[in-house]
Structures are given as structure tokens and as C-alpha cells.
C-alpha atoms as a PDB file:
ATOM      1  CA  MET A   1      40.902 -84.138  95.908  1.00  0.00           C
ATOM      2  CA  THR A   2      38.667 -82.367  93.425  1.00  0.00           C
ATOM      3  CA  GLU A   3      37.699 -83.953  90.138  1.00  0.00           C
ATOM      4  CA  ILE A   4      36.766 -81.716  87.232  1.00  0.00           C
ATOM      5  CA  LYS A   5      34.629 -83.246  84.505  1.00  0.00           C
ATOM      6  CA  ALA A   6      33.773 -82.167  80.988  1.00  0.00           C
ATOM      7  CA  HIS A   7      31.542 -84.032  78.561  1.00  0.00           C
ATOM      8  CA  LEU A   8      31.541 -84.306  74.792  1.00  0.00           C
ATOM      9  CA  LYS A   9      28.361 -85.960  73.583  1.00  0.00           C
ATOM     10  CA  TYR A  10      27.494 -87.362  70.177  1.00  0.00           C
ATOM     11  CA  PHE A  11      30.959 -87.050  68.647  1.00  0.00           C
ATOM     12  CA  ARG A  12      30.741 -88.817  65.313  1.00  0.00           C
ATOM     13  CA  ALA A  13      33.858 -90.944  65.267  1.00  0.00           C
ATOM     14  CA  ALA A  14      34.514 -94.560  66.065  1.00  0.00           C
ATOM     15  CA  PRO A  15      35.099 -94.987  69.806  1.00  0.00           C
ATOM     16  CA  ARG A  16      37.854 -97.520  69.117  1.00  0.00           C
ATOM     17  CA  LYS A  17      39.827 -94.944  67.134  1.00  0.00           C
ATOM     18  CA  THR A  18      39.099 -92.155  69.618  1.00  0.00           C
ATOM     19  CA  ARG A  19      40.350 -94.296  72.516  1.00  0.00           C
ATOM     20  CA  LEU A  20      43.739 -94.589  70.807  1.00  0.00           C
ATOM     21  CA  VAL A  21      44.162 -90.824  70.947  1.00  0.00           C
ATOM     22  CA  ALA A  22      42.755 -90.552  74.466  1.00  0.00           C
ATOM     23  CA  GLU A  23      45.208 -93.147  75.805  1.00  0.00           C
ATOM     24  CA  THR A  24      48.181 -91.042  74.677  1.00  0.00           C
ATOM     25  CA  ALA A  25      47.115 -88.165  76.950  1.00  0.00           C
ATOM     26  CA  LYS A  26      45.962 -90.140  79.978  1.00  0.00           C
ATOM     27  CA  GLY A  27      48.084 -89.701  83.107  1.00  0.00           C
ATOM     28  CA  LEU A  28      49.968 -86.671  81.793  1.00  0.00           C
ATOM     29  CA  PRO A  29      50.017 -83.133  83.201  1.00  0.00           C
ATOM     30  CA  VAL A  30      47.669 -80.817  81.338  1.00  0.00           C
ATOM     31  CA  ASN A  31      50.422 -78.927  79.477  1.00  0.00           C
ATOM     32  CA  ALA A  32      51.984 -82.148  78.192  1.00  0.00           C
ATOM     33  CA  ALA A  33      48.580 -83.531  77.207  1.00  0.00           C
ATOM     34  CA  VAL A  34      47.753 -80.379  75.244  1.00  0.00           C
ATOM     35  CA  LYS A  35      51.023 -80.668  73.326  1.00  0.00           C
ATOM     36  CA  GLN A  36      50.411 -84.354  72.713  1.00  0.00           C
ATOM     37  CA  LEU A  37      46.937 -83.709  71.303  1.00  0.00           C
ATOM     38  CA  MET A  38      48.060 -80.723  69.213  1.00  0.00           C
ATOM     39  CA  PHE A  39      50.463 -82.859  67.228  1.00  0.00           C
ATOM     40  CA  ALA A  40      48.353 -86.010  66.971  1.00  0.00           C
ATOM     41  CA  LYS A  41      47.392 -86.704  63.374  1.00  0.00           C
ATOM     42  CA  LYS A  42      44.073 -88.375  64.085  1.00  0.00           C
ATOM     43  CA  ARG A  43      40.626 -86.983  63.335  1.00  0.00           C
ATOM     44  CA  SER A  44      39.487 -87.122  66.958  1.00  0.00           C
ATOM     45  CA  ALA A  45      42.475 -85.171  68.343  1.00  0.00           C
ATOM     46  CA  PRO A  46      41.043 -81.640  67.830  1.00  0.00           C
ATOM     47  CA  ALA A  47      37.773 -82.589  69.547  1.00  0.00           C
ATOM     48  CA  LEU A  48      39.611 -84.094  72.529  1.00  0.00           C
ATOM     49  CA  LEU A  49      41.848 -81.025  72.700  1.00  0.00           C
ATOM     50  CA  LYS A  50      38.802 -78.748  72.789  1.00  0.00           C
ATOM     51  CA  LEU A  51      37.281 -80.923  75.531  1.00  0.00           C
ATOM     52  CA  LEU A  52      40.505 -80.780  77.562  1.00  0.00           C
ATOM     53  CA  LYS A  53      40.704 -76.989  77.270  1.00  0.00           C
ATOM     54  CA  SER A  54      37.081 -76.758  78.394  1.00  0.00           C
ATOM     55  CA  ALA A  55      37.812 -78.863  81.485  1.00  0.00           C
ATOM     56  CA  VAL A  56      40.833 -76.698  82.340  1.00  0.00           C
ATOM     57  CA  ALA A  57      38.751 -73.532  81.935  1.00  0.00           C
ATOM     58  CA  ASN A  58      36.086 -75.023  84.222  1.00  0.00           C
ATOM     59  CA  ALA A  59      38.715 -75.832  86.843  1.00  0.00           C
ATOM     60  CA  LYS A  60      40.203 -72.355  86.681  1.00  0.00           C
ATOM     61  CA  THR A  61      36.922 -70.441  86.689  1.00  0.00           C
ATOM     62  CA  ASN A  62      34.654 -72.487  88.933  1.00  0.00           C
ATOM     63  CA  PHE A  63      37.106 -74.028  91.394  1.00  0.00           C
ATOM     64  CA  LYS A  64      39.997 -71.495  91.355  1.00  0.00           C
ATOM     65  CA  LEU A  65      42.553 -74.239  90.652  1.00  0.00           C
ATOM     66  CA  ASP A  66      45.988 -73.649  89.164  1.00  0.00           C
ATOM     67  CA  PRO A  67      46.166 -75.206  85.658  1.00  0.00           C
ATOM     68  CA  GLU A  68      49.862 -75.973  86.148  1.00  0.00           C
ATOM     69  CA  LYS A  69      49.040 -78.482  88.898  1.00  0.00           C
ATOM     70  CA  LEU A  70      46.328 -80.370  87.015  1.00  0.00           C
ATOM     71  CA  TYR A  71      46.755 -83.738  85.336  1.00  0.00           C
ATOM     72  CA  ILE A  72      44.565 -86.099  83.325  1.00  0.00           C
ATOM     73  CA  LYS A  73      43.118 -88.840  85.498  1.00  0.00           C
ATOM     74  CA  GLU A  74      41.037 -90.499  82.790  1.00  0.00           C
ATOM     75  CA  PHE A  75      39.517 -90.026  79.369  1.00  0.00           C
ATOM     76  CA  LYS A  76      36.364 -92.101  79.118  1.00  0.00           C
ATOM     77  CA  VAL A  77      35.194 -92.856  75.591  1.00  0.00           C
ATOM     78  CA  ASP A  78      31.846 -94.603  75.148  1.00  0.00           C
ATOM     79  CA  GLU A  79      29.699 -95.320  72.143  1.00  0.00           C
ATOM     80  CA  ALA A  80      27.044 -92.874  71.003  1.00  0.00           C
ATOM     81  CA  PRO A  81      23.618 -93.971  69.740  1.00  0.00           C
ATOM     82  CA  MET A  82      23.632 -95.425  66.239  1.00  0.00           C
ATOM     83  CA  PHE A  83      22.093 -93.493  63.364  1.00  0.00           C
ATOM     84  CA  LYS A  84      19.767 -95.359  61.030  1.00  0.00           C
END
């Protein structure tokens, strides 16, 4: 089983609020997750959608995987360094 990873660093939004959006897409097939994120009305949804599309493009280009068979295993949201 191949895992494809994509990273989004230093996204300036509260991780608690971003996790709410990420939890809605977790465990879904990629097409359903894209639709879910497109219609989410939270500020972090477009950034997570861009990250998801990047991961799908990586899977298709680098590993020759079919995007129709992919699903979201996890969205990991951690805190970024604090600005002073």
C-alpha cells in the first residue's frame, strides 16, 4: 500500500478551526473530499483543497496511480511557530 503525502507549512489559521474542516474530508474518496471542501464555508477550506489537489497530482505523476481509487487516510493539522 502506497501512501502519498503533501505538506502545507506555515498556514496562518488556528489549527483548532482547520481541524474541523479536515475532519469532514477524512476517510472519504478523493472526489467526495474535493466536493466537500469546495462547498465548505470556512477560511481554511481553500488551502486544504489546494493541498489535496497537490497530493492527487503527486500520486498521478510520480506513482502512476488512478485518482479514482484514492481516498483520504488522514489530514494531520499541527501548530505552526508563533509570531511575536
